[in-house]
């Protein structure tokens, strides 16, 4: 693979992962559950 193609693929994967994370946070129950789990660590 050429360097430019590899870089484009890496950017595409990063954008897809970020989009999935942001989509998950649209569910308020998930955000509250994650906040509770983080709070329980302390």
PDB file of N, CA and C in Angstrom:
ATOM      1  N   UNK A   1       0.844  -1.189   0.000  1.00  0.00           N
ATOM      2  CA  UNK A   1       0.000   0.000   0.000  1.00  0.00           C
ATOM      3  C   UNK A   1       0.883   1.244   0.000  1.00  0.00           C
ATOM      4  N   UNK A   2       0.440   2.218  -0.733  1.00  0.00           N
ATOM      5  CA  UNK A   2       1.186   3.469  -0.737  1.00  0.00           C
ATOM      6  C   UNK A   2       0.945   4.226   0.559  1.00  0.00           C
ATOM      7  N   UNK A   3       1.860   5.143   0.837  1.00  0.00           N
ATOM      8  CA  UNK A   3       1.771   5.896   2.090  1.00  0.00           C
ATOM      9  C   UNK A   3       0.488   6.721   2.166  1.00  0.00           C
ATOM     10  N   UNK A   4       0.112   7.352   1.064  1.00  0.00           N
ATOM     11  CA  UNK A   4      -1.095   8.190   1.058  1.00  0.00           C
ATOM     12  C   UNK A   4      -2.346   7.342   1.279  1.00  0.00           C
ATOM     13  N   UNK A   5      -2.385   6.170   0.680  1.00  0.00           N
ATOM     14  CA  UNK A   5      -3.548   5.289   0.857  1.00  0.00           C
ATOM     15  C   UNK A   5      -3.630   4.797   2.294  1.00  0.00           C
ATOM     16  N   UNK A   6      -2.487   4.466   2.877  1.00  0.00           N
ATOM     17  CA  UNK A   6      -2.476   4.007   4.269  1.00  0.00           C
ATOM     18  C   UNK A   6      -2.924   5.108   5.213  1.00  0.00           C
ATOM     19  N   UNK A   7      -2.468   6.332   4.942  1.00  0.00           N
ATOM     20  CA  UNK A   7      -2.867   7.476   5.776  1.00  0.00           C
ATOM     21  C   UNK A   7      -4.361   7.743   5.646  1.00  0.00           C
ATOM     22  N   UNK A   8      -4.889   7.657   4.435  1.00  0.00           N
ATOM     23  CA  UNK A   8      -6.326   7.866   4.221  1.00  0.00           C
ATOM     24  C   UNK A   8      -7.138   6.796   4.934  1.00  0.00           C
ATOM     25  N   UNK A   9      -6.671   5.554   4.882  1.00  0.00           N
ATOM     26  CA  UNK A   9      -7.368   4.471   5.575  1.00  0.00           C
ATOM     27  C   UNK A   9      -7.341   4.683   7.082  1.00  0.00           C
ATOM     28  N   UNK A  10      -6.223   5.121   7.619  1.00  0.00           N
ATOM     29  CA  UNK A  10      -6.124   5.390   9.057  1.00  0.00           C
ATOM     30  C   UNK A  10      -7.080   6.509   9.463  1.00  0.00           C
ATOM     31  N   UNK A  11      -7.151   7.561   8.659  1.00  0.00           N
ATOM     32  CA  UNK A  11      -8.069   8.668   8.964  1.00  0.00           C
ATOM     33  C   UNK A  11      -9.515   8.195   8.910  1.00  0.00           C
ATOM     34  N   UNK A  12      -9.846   7.376   7.923  1.00  0.00           N
ATOM     35  CA  UNK A  12     -11.217   6.878   7.788  1.00  0.00           C
ATOM     36  C   UNK A  12     -11.608   6.022   8.996  1.00  0.00           C
ATOM     37  N   UNK A  13     -10.696   5.176   9.448  1.00  0.00           N
ATOM     38  CA  UNK A  13     -10.975   4.342  10.620  1.00  0.00           C
ATOM     39  C   UNK A  13     -11.145   5.211  11.858  1.00  0.00           C
ATOM     40  N   UNK A  14     -10.286   6.207  12.015  1.00  0.00           N
ATOM     41  CA  UNK A  14     -10.382   7.095  13.177  1.00  0.00           C
ATOM     42  C   UNK A  14     -11.711   7.853  13.180  1.00  0.00           C
ATOM     43  N   UNK A  15     -12.139   8.326  12.031  1.00  0.00           N
ATOM     44  CA  UNK A  15     -13.408   9.052  11.936  1.00  0.00           C
ATOM     45  C   UNK A  15     -14.580   8.125  12.255  1.00  0.00           C
ATOM     46  N   UNK A  16     -14.526   6.893  11.776  1.00  0.00           N
ATOM     47  CA  UNK A  16     -15.603   5.940  12.070  1.00  0.00           C
ATOM     48  C   UNK A  16     -15.664   5.607  13.557  1.00  0.00           C
ATOM     49  N   UNK A  17     -14.524   5.438  14.193  1.00  0.00           N
ATOM     50  CA  UNK A  17     -14.505   5.151  15.632  1.00  0.00           C
ATOM     51  C   UNK A  17     -15.068   6.337  16.413  1.00  0.00           C
ATOM     52  N   UNK A  18     -14.652   7.544  16.066  1.00  0.00           N
ATOM     53  CA  UNK A  18     -15.176   8.729  16.752  1.00  0.00           C
ATOM     54  C   UNK A  18     -16.676   8.886  16.534  1.00  0.00           C
ATOM     55  N   UNK A  19     -17.140   8.619  15.334  1.00  0.00           N
ATOM     56  CA  UNK A  19     -18.575   8.706  15.061  1.00  0.00           C
ATOM     57  C   UNK A  19     -19.348   7.684  15.888  1.00  0.00           C
ATOM     58  N   UNK A  20     -18.797   6.498  16.049  1.00  0.00           N
ATOM     59  CA  UNK A  20     -19.463   5.476  16.864  1.00  0.00           C
ATOM     60  C   UNK A  20     -19.512   5.895  18.330  1.00  0.00           C
ATOM     61  N   UNK A  21     -18.451   6.494  18.831  1.00  0.00           N
ATOM     62  CA  UNK A  21     -18.429   6.949  20.224  1.00  0.00           C
ATOM     63  C   UNK A  21     -19.441   8.071  20.428  1.00  0.00           C
ATOM     64  N   UNK A  22     -19.461   9.037  19.531  1.00  0.00           N
ATOM     65  CA  UNK A  22     -20.419  10.135  19.658  1.00  0.00           C
ATOM     66  C   UNK A  22     -21.849   9.625  19.541  1.00  0.00           C
ATOM     67  N   UNK A  23     -22.104   8.654  18.672  1.00  0.00           N
ATOM     68  CA  UNK A  23     -23.445   8.087  18.538  1.00  0.00           C
ATOM     69  C   UNK A  23     -23.843   7.357  19.821  1.00  0.00           C
ATOM     70  N   UNK A  24     -22.890   6.702  20.464  1.00  0.00           N
ATOM     71  CA  UNK A  24     -23.196   5.995  21.711  1.00  0.00           C
ATOM     72  C   UNK A  24     -23.581   6.988  22.804  1.00  0.00           C
ATOM     73  N   UNK A  25     -22.945   8.150  22.826  1.00  0.00           N
ATOM     74  CA  UNK A  25     -23.254   9.137  23.858  1.00  0.00           C
ATOM     75  C   UNK A  25     -24.593   9.832  23.634  1.00  0.00           C
ATOM     76  N   UNK A  26     -25.228   9.626  22.486  1.00  0.00           N
ATOM     77  CA  UNK A  26     -26.559  10.182  22.261  1.00  0.00           C
ATOM     78  C   UNK A  26     -27.600   9.449  23.104  1.00  0.00           C
ATOM     79  N   UNK A  27     -27.245   8.255  23.576  1.00  0.00           N
ATOM     80  CA  UNK A  27     -28.128   7.494  24.461  1.00  0.00           C
ATOM     81  C   UNK A  27     -27.848   7.948  25.892  1.00  0.00           C
ATOM     82  N   UNK A  28     -28.782   8.655  26.535  1.00  0.00           N
ATOM     83  CA  UNK A  28     -28.515   9.191  27.873  1.00  0.00           C
ATOM     84  C   UNK A  28     -28.277   8.098  28.917  1.00  0.00           C
ATOM     85  N   UNK A  29     -28.900   6.940  28.747  1.00  0.00           N
ATOM     86  CA  UNK A  29     -28.702   5.863  29.716  1.00  0.00           C
ATOM     87  C   UNK A  29     -27.256   5.383  29.716  1.00  0.00           C
ATOM     88  N   UNK A  30     -26.660   5.341  28.544  1.00  0.00           N
ATOM     89  CA  UNK A  30     -25.259   4.923  28.451  1.00  0.00           C
ATOM     90  C   UNK A  30     -24.355   5.930  29.143  1.00  0.00           C
ATOM     91  N   UNK A  31     -24.598   7.212  28.909  1.00  0.00           N
ATOM     92  CA  UNK A  31     -23.766   8.247  29.533  1.00  0.00           C
ATOM     93  C   UNK A  31     -23.875   8.186  31.052  1.00  0.00           C
ATOM     94  N   UNK A  32     -25.069   7.990  31.583  1.00  0.00           N
ATOM     95  CA  UNK A  32     -25.262   7.911  33.037  1.00  0.00           C
ATOM     96  C   UNK A  32     -24.598   6.648  33.582  1.00  0.00           C
ATOM     97  N   UNK A  33     -24.727   5.548  32.869  1.00  0.00           N
ATOM     98  CA  UNK A  33     -24.114   4.296  33.304  1.00  0.00           C
ATOM     99  C   UNK A  33     -22.590   4.412  33.332  1.00  0.00           C
ATOM    100  N   UNK A  34     -22.014   4.998  32.294  1.00  0.00           N
ATOM    101  CA  UNK A  34     -20.557   5.171  32.267  1.00  0.00           C
ATOM    102  C   UNK A  34     -20.081   6.114  33.365  1.00  0.00           C
ATOM    103  N   UNK A  35     -20.830   7.175  33.603  1.00  0.00           N
ATOM    104  CA  UNK A  35     -20.459   8.108  34.671  1.00  0.00           C
ATOM    105  C   UNK A  35     -20.516   7.406  36.019  1.00  0.00           C
ATOM    106  N   UNK A  36     -21.511   6.571  36.234  1.00  0.00           N
ATOM    107  CA  UNK A  36     -21.610   5.803  37.468  1.00  0.00           C
ATOM    108  C   UNK A  36     -20.455   4.837  37.651  1.00  0.00           C
ATOM    109  N   UNK A  37     -20.042   4.211  36.570  1.00  0.00           N
ATOM    110  CA  UNK A  37     -18.916   3.266  36.633  1.00  0.00           C
ATOM    111  C   UNK A  37     -17.613   3.978  36.936  1.00  0.00           C
ATOM    112  N   UNK A  38     -17.419   5.148  36.325  1.00  0.00           N
ATOM    113  CA  UNK A  38     -16.195   5.916  36.599  1.00  0.00           C
ATOM    114  C   UNK A  38     -16.207   6.393  38.040  1.00  0.00           C
ATOM    115  N   UNK A  39     -17.356   6.877  38.506  1.00  0.00           N
ATOM    116  CA  UNK A  39     -17.468   7.374  39.887  1.00  0.00           C
ATOM    117  C   UNK A  39     -17.208   6.247  40.887  1.00  0.00           C
ATOM    118  N   UNK A  40     -17.622   5.023  40.554  1.00  0.00           N
ATOM    119  CA  UNK A  40     -17.433   3.885  41.455  1.00  0.00           C
ATOM    120  C   UNK A  40     -15.955   3.517  41.614  1.00  0.00           C
ATOM    121  N   UNK A  41     -15.121   3.950  40.708  1.00  0.00           N
ATOM    122  CA  UNK A  41     -13.680   3.646  40.808  1.00  0.00           C
ATOM    123  C   UNK A  41     -12.996   4.455  41.893  1.00  0.00           C
ATOM    124  N   UNK A  42     -13.617   5.542  42.341  1.00  0.00           N
ATOM    125  CA  UNK A  42     -12.950   6.424  43.308  1.00  0.00           C
ATOM    126  C   UNK A  42     -13.503   6.274  44.698  1.00  0.00           C
TER     127      UNK A  42
END
